[in-house]
Amino acid sequence: MAIRIKVGDTVKALSGDDRGESGRVTAIYHGKNMVVVEGMNVVKKSVRRSQKNPQGGKLEKEMPVQISTVQFVCPDCRQSVRLGTRFLPDGSKVRHCRNTEASCSWEDEIAPPNAAT
């Protein structure tokens, strides 16, 4: 399965406790097909006192969610949409919005142009 979502993209939760909320992707775990999103799936973790955490207590931490439960939010149409890929005439591969057929962001190039010719 190809993961077309990148770090820094805005996504919307489709299911779970945070359904309907949006946030930026901060990490992607390709082997597990999971993503960490700012403000989603926040849990409280108890930590002992240490030099790093001199007070100890409970910390709030964002945990990964399944990539199938989030959907990309297009910056042009401001809707949650499916992503597609296509090749440009110069041979580069880019992501695009399936609703508007527009490129998704300034950093949407997946593969550079072919230098064969």
C-alpha atoms as a PDB file:
ATOM      1  CA  MET A   1       0.000   0.000   0.000  1.00  0.00           C
ATOM      2  CA  ALA A   2       1.422   3.359  -1.006  1.00  0.00           C
ATOM      3  CA  ILE A   3       1.223   6.056   1.643  1.00  0.00           C
ATOM      4  CA  ARG A   4       0.628   9.370  -0.098  1.00  0.00           C
ATOM      5  CA  ILE A   5       0.346  11.431   3.090  1.00  0.00           C
ATOM      6  CA  LYS A   6       3.524  13.277   4.099  1.00  0.00           C
ATOM      7  CA  VAL A   7       4.766  14.872   7.305  1.00  0.00           C
ATOM      8  CA  GLY A   8       3.333  18.390   7.536  1.00  0.00           C
ATOM      9  CA  ASP A   9       0.077  17.607   5.696  1.00  0.00           C
ATOM     10  CA  THR A  10      -3.248  18.531   7.269  1.00  0.00           C
ATOM     11  CA  VAL A  11      -5.534  15.548   7.825  1.00  0.00           C
ATOM     12  CA  LYS A  12      -9.033  15.020   9.203  1.00  0.00           C
ATOM     13  CA  ALA A  13     -10.078  12.133  11.466  1.00  0.00           C
ATOM     14  CA  LEU A  14     -12.786   9.929   9.950  1.00  0.00           C
ATOM     15  CA  SER A  15     -13.466   7.740  12.986  1.00  0.00           C
ATOM     16  CA  GLY A  16     -12.666   7.357  16.649  1.00  0.00           C
ATOM     17  CA  ASP A  17     -12.968   9.750  19.592  1.00  0.00           C
ATOM     18  CA  ASP A  18     -11.487  12.626  17.566  1.00  0.00           C
ATOM     19  CA  ARG A  19     -13.800  12.218  14.563  1.00  0.00           C
ATOM     20  CA  GLY A  20     -14.151  15.445  12.586  1.00  0.00           C
ATOM     21  CA  GLU A  21     -11.059  17.125  14.040  1.00  0.00           C
ATOM     22  CA  SER A  22      -8.152  18.262  11.877  1.00  0.00           C
ATOM     23  CA  GLY A  23      -4.434  18.443  12.609  1.00  0.00           C
ATOM     24  CA  ARG A  24      -0.957  18.330  11.097  1.00  0.00           C
ATOM     25  CA  VAL A  25       0.923  15.051  10.634  1.00  0.00           C
ATOM     26  CA  THR A  26       4.081  15.015  12.778  1.00  0.00           C
ATOM     27  CA  ALA A  27       5.351  11.459  12.154  1.00  0.00           C
ATOM     28  CA  ILE A  28       4.661   8.500   9.875  1.00  0.00           C
ATOM     29  CA  TYR A  29       5.383   4.844  10.681  1.00  0.00           C
ATOM     30  CA  HIS A  30       5.442   3.113   7.286  1.00  0.00           C
ATOM     31  CA  GLY A  31       5.875  -0.429   8.614  1.00  0.00           C
ATOM     32  CA  LYS A  32       2.778  -0.180  10.799  1.00  0.00           C
ATOM     33  CA  ASN A  33       0.705   2.103   8.492  1.00  0.00           C
ATOM     34  CA  MET A  34       0.245   4.593  11.325  1.00  0.00           C
ATOM     35  CA  VAL A  35       0.574   8.374  11.656  1.00  0.00           C
ATOM     36  CA  VAL A  36       0.940  10.759  14.599  1.00  0.00           C
ATOM     37  CA  VAL A  37      -1.262  13.854  14.313  1.00  0.00           C
ATOM     38  CA  GLU A  38      -1.062  17.000  16.459  1.00  0.00           C
ATOM     39  CA  GLY A  39      -3.895  17.095  18.980  1.00  0.00           C
ATOM     40  CA  MET A  40      -5.354  13.674  18.105  1.00  0.00           C
ATOM     41  CA  ASN A  41      -5.348  10.504  20.205  1.00  0.00           C
ATOM     42  CA  VAL A  42      -3.842  12.270  23.232  1.00  0.00           C
ATOM     43  CA  VAL A  43      -3.267   9.957  26.219  1.00  0.00           C
ATOM     44  CA  LYS A  44      -1.965  10.582  29.704  1.00  0.00           C
ATOM     45  CA  LYS A  45       1.173   8.700  30.638  1.00  0.00           C
ATOM     46  CA  SER A  46       2.500   8.412  34.180  1.00  0.00           C
ATOM     47  CA  VAL A  47       6.223   9.148  34.485  1.00  0.00           C
ATOM     48  CA  ARG A  48       8.560   8.676  37.406  1.00  0.00           C
ATOM     49  CA  ARG A  49      10.804  11.437  38.638  1.00  0.00           C
ATOM     50  CA  SER A  50      14.100  11.678  36.785  1.00  0.00           C
ATOM     51  CA  GLN A  51      16.576  14.302  35.682  1.00  0.00           C
ATOM     52  CA  LYS A  52      14.616  14.766  32.493  1.00  0.00           C
ATOM     53  CA  ASN A  53      11.295  15.074  34.404  1.00  0.00           C
ATOM     54  CA  PRO A  54      12.241  16.288  37.897  1.00  0.00           C
ATOM     55  CA  GLN A  55       8.626  16.617  39.011  1.00  0.00           C
ATOM     56  CA  GLY A  56       7.280  13.398  37.486  1.00  0.00           C
ATOM     57  CA  GLY A  57       3.514  13.026  37.267  1.00  0.00           C
ATOM     58  CA  LYS A  58       1.274  12.584  34.260  1.00  0.00           C
ATOM     59  CA  LEU A  59       2.311  13.764  30.808  1.00  0.00           C
ATOM     60  CA  GLU A  60       0.018  14.128  27.809  1.00  0.00           C
ATOM     61  CA  LYS A  61       1.341  12.382  24.729  1.00  0.00           C
ATOM     62  CA  GLU A  62       0.050  11.996  21.171  1.00  0.00           C
ATOM     63  CA  MET A  63      -0.139   8.368  20.112  1.00  0.00           C
ATOM     64  CA  PRO A  64      -0.253   6.995  16.548  1.00  0.00           C
ATOM     65  CA  VAL A  65      -3.534   6.302  14.731  1.00  0.00           C
ATOM     66  CA  GLN A  66      -4.190   4.037  11.765  1.00  0.00           C
ATOM     67  CA  ILE A  67      -3.627   5.819   8.469  1.00  0.00           C
ATOM     68  CA  SER A  68      -6.950   4.436   7.219  1.00  0.00           C
ATOM     69  CA  THR A  69      -8.806   6.524   9.819  1.00  0.00           C
ATOM     70  CA  VAL A  70      -7.495   9.876   8.541  1.00  0.00           C
ATOM     71  CA  GLN A  71      -8.010  11.659   5.227  1.00  0.00           C
ATOM     72  CA  PHE A  72      -5.990  14.411   3.544  1.00  0.00           C
ATOM     73  CA  VAL A  73      -7.441  17.948   3.622  1.00  0.00           C
ATOM     74  CA  CYS A  74      -6.905  19.774   0.309  1.00  0.00           C
ATOM     75  CA  PRO A  75      -5.525  23.309   0.795  1.00  0.00           C
ATOM     76  CA  ASP A  76      -7.433  24.544  -2.289  1.00  0.00           C
ATOM     77  CA  CYS A  77     -10.955  23.251  -1.703  1.00  0.00           C
ATOM     78  CA  ARG A  78     -10.642  22.889   2.119  1.00  0.00           C
ATOM     79  CA  GLN A  79     -12.348  19.485   2.059  1.00  0.00           C
ATOM     80  CA  SER A  80     -11.132  16.055   3.048  1.00  0.00           C
ATOM     81  CA  VAL A  81     -10.325  14.313  -0.229  1.00  0.00           C
ATOM     82  CA  ARG A  82      -8.610  11.280  -1.666  1.00  0.00           C
ATOM     83  CA  LEU A  83      -5.139  11.773  -3.085  1.00  0.00           C
ATOM     84  CA  GLY A  84      -4.010  10.567  -6.470  1.00  0.00           C
ATOM     85  CA  THR A  85      -0.718  10.570  -8.329  1.00  0.00           C
ATOM     86  CA  ARG A  86       0.053  11.494 -11.899  1.00  0.00           C
ATOM     87  CA  PHE A  87       3.032  12.049 -14.161  1.00  0.00           C
ATOM     88  CA  LEU A  88       3.746  15.480 -15.600  1.00  0.00           C
ATOM     89  CA  PRO A  89       5.084  15.932 -19.161  1.00  0.00           C
ATOM     90  CA  ASP A  90       8.648  16.344 -17.814  1.00  0.00           C
ATOM     91  CA  GLY A  91       8.414  12.905 -16.178  1.00  0.00           C
ATOM     92  CA  SER A  92       8.038  13.987 -12.544  1.00  0.00           C
ATOM     93  CA  LYS A  93       5.432  12.282 -10.372  1.00  0.00           C
ATOM     94  CA  VAL A  94       3.172  14.522  -8.251  1.00  0.00           C
ATOM     95  CA  ARG A  95       0.246  14.192  -5.839  1.00  0.00           C
ATOM     96  CA  HIS A  96      -3.090  15.748  -6.759  1.00  0.00           C
ATOM     97  CA  CYS A  97      -6.569  16.248  -5.319  1.00  0.00           C
ATOM     98  CA  ARG A  98      -9.093  13.853  -6.837  1.00  0.00           C
ATOM     99  CA  ASN A  99     -11.917  16.425  -6.557  1.00  0.00           C
ATOM    100  CA  THR A 100     -10.332  19.471  -8.203  1.00  0.00           C
ATOM    101  CA  GLU A 101      -7.468  17.728 -10.074  1.00  0.00           C
ATOM    102  CA  ALA A 102      -5.157  20.462  -8.707  1.00  0.00           C
ATOM    103  CA  SER A 103      -1.739  19.829  -7.191  1.00  0.00           C
ATOM    104  CA  CYS A 104      -1.982  19.543  -3.431  1.00  0.00           C
ATOM    105  CA  SER A 105       0.858  21.709  -2.150  1.00  0.00           C
ATOM    106  CA  TRP A 106       4.075  23.399  -3.169  1.00  0.00           C
ATOM    107  CA  GLU A 107       5.930  20.324  -1.958  1.00  0.00           C
ATOM    108  CA  ASP A 108       3.853  17.714  -3.764  1.00  0.00           C
ATOM    109  CA  GLU A 109       6.542  16.234  -6.027  1.00  0.00           C
ATOM    110  CA  ILE A 110       7.037  12.534  -5.268  1.00  0.00           C
ATOM    111  CA  ALA A 111       9.676  11.649  -7.865  1.00  0.00           C
ATOM    112  CA  PRO A 112      12.018  13.948  -9.803  1.00  0.00           C
ATOM    113  CA  PRO A 113      11.904  14.249 -13.602  1.00  0.00           C
ATOM    114  CA  ASN A 114      13.536  11.514 -15.661  1.00  0.00           C
ATOM    115  CA  ALA A 115      17.074  12.450 -16.758  1.00  0.00           C
ATOM    116  CA  ALA A 116      17.272   9.735 -19.422  1.00  0.00           C
ATOM    117  CA  THR A 117      17.174  12.132 -22.381  1.00  0.00           C
END
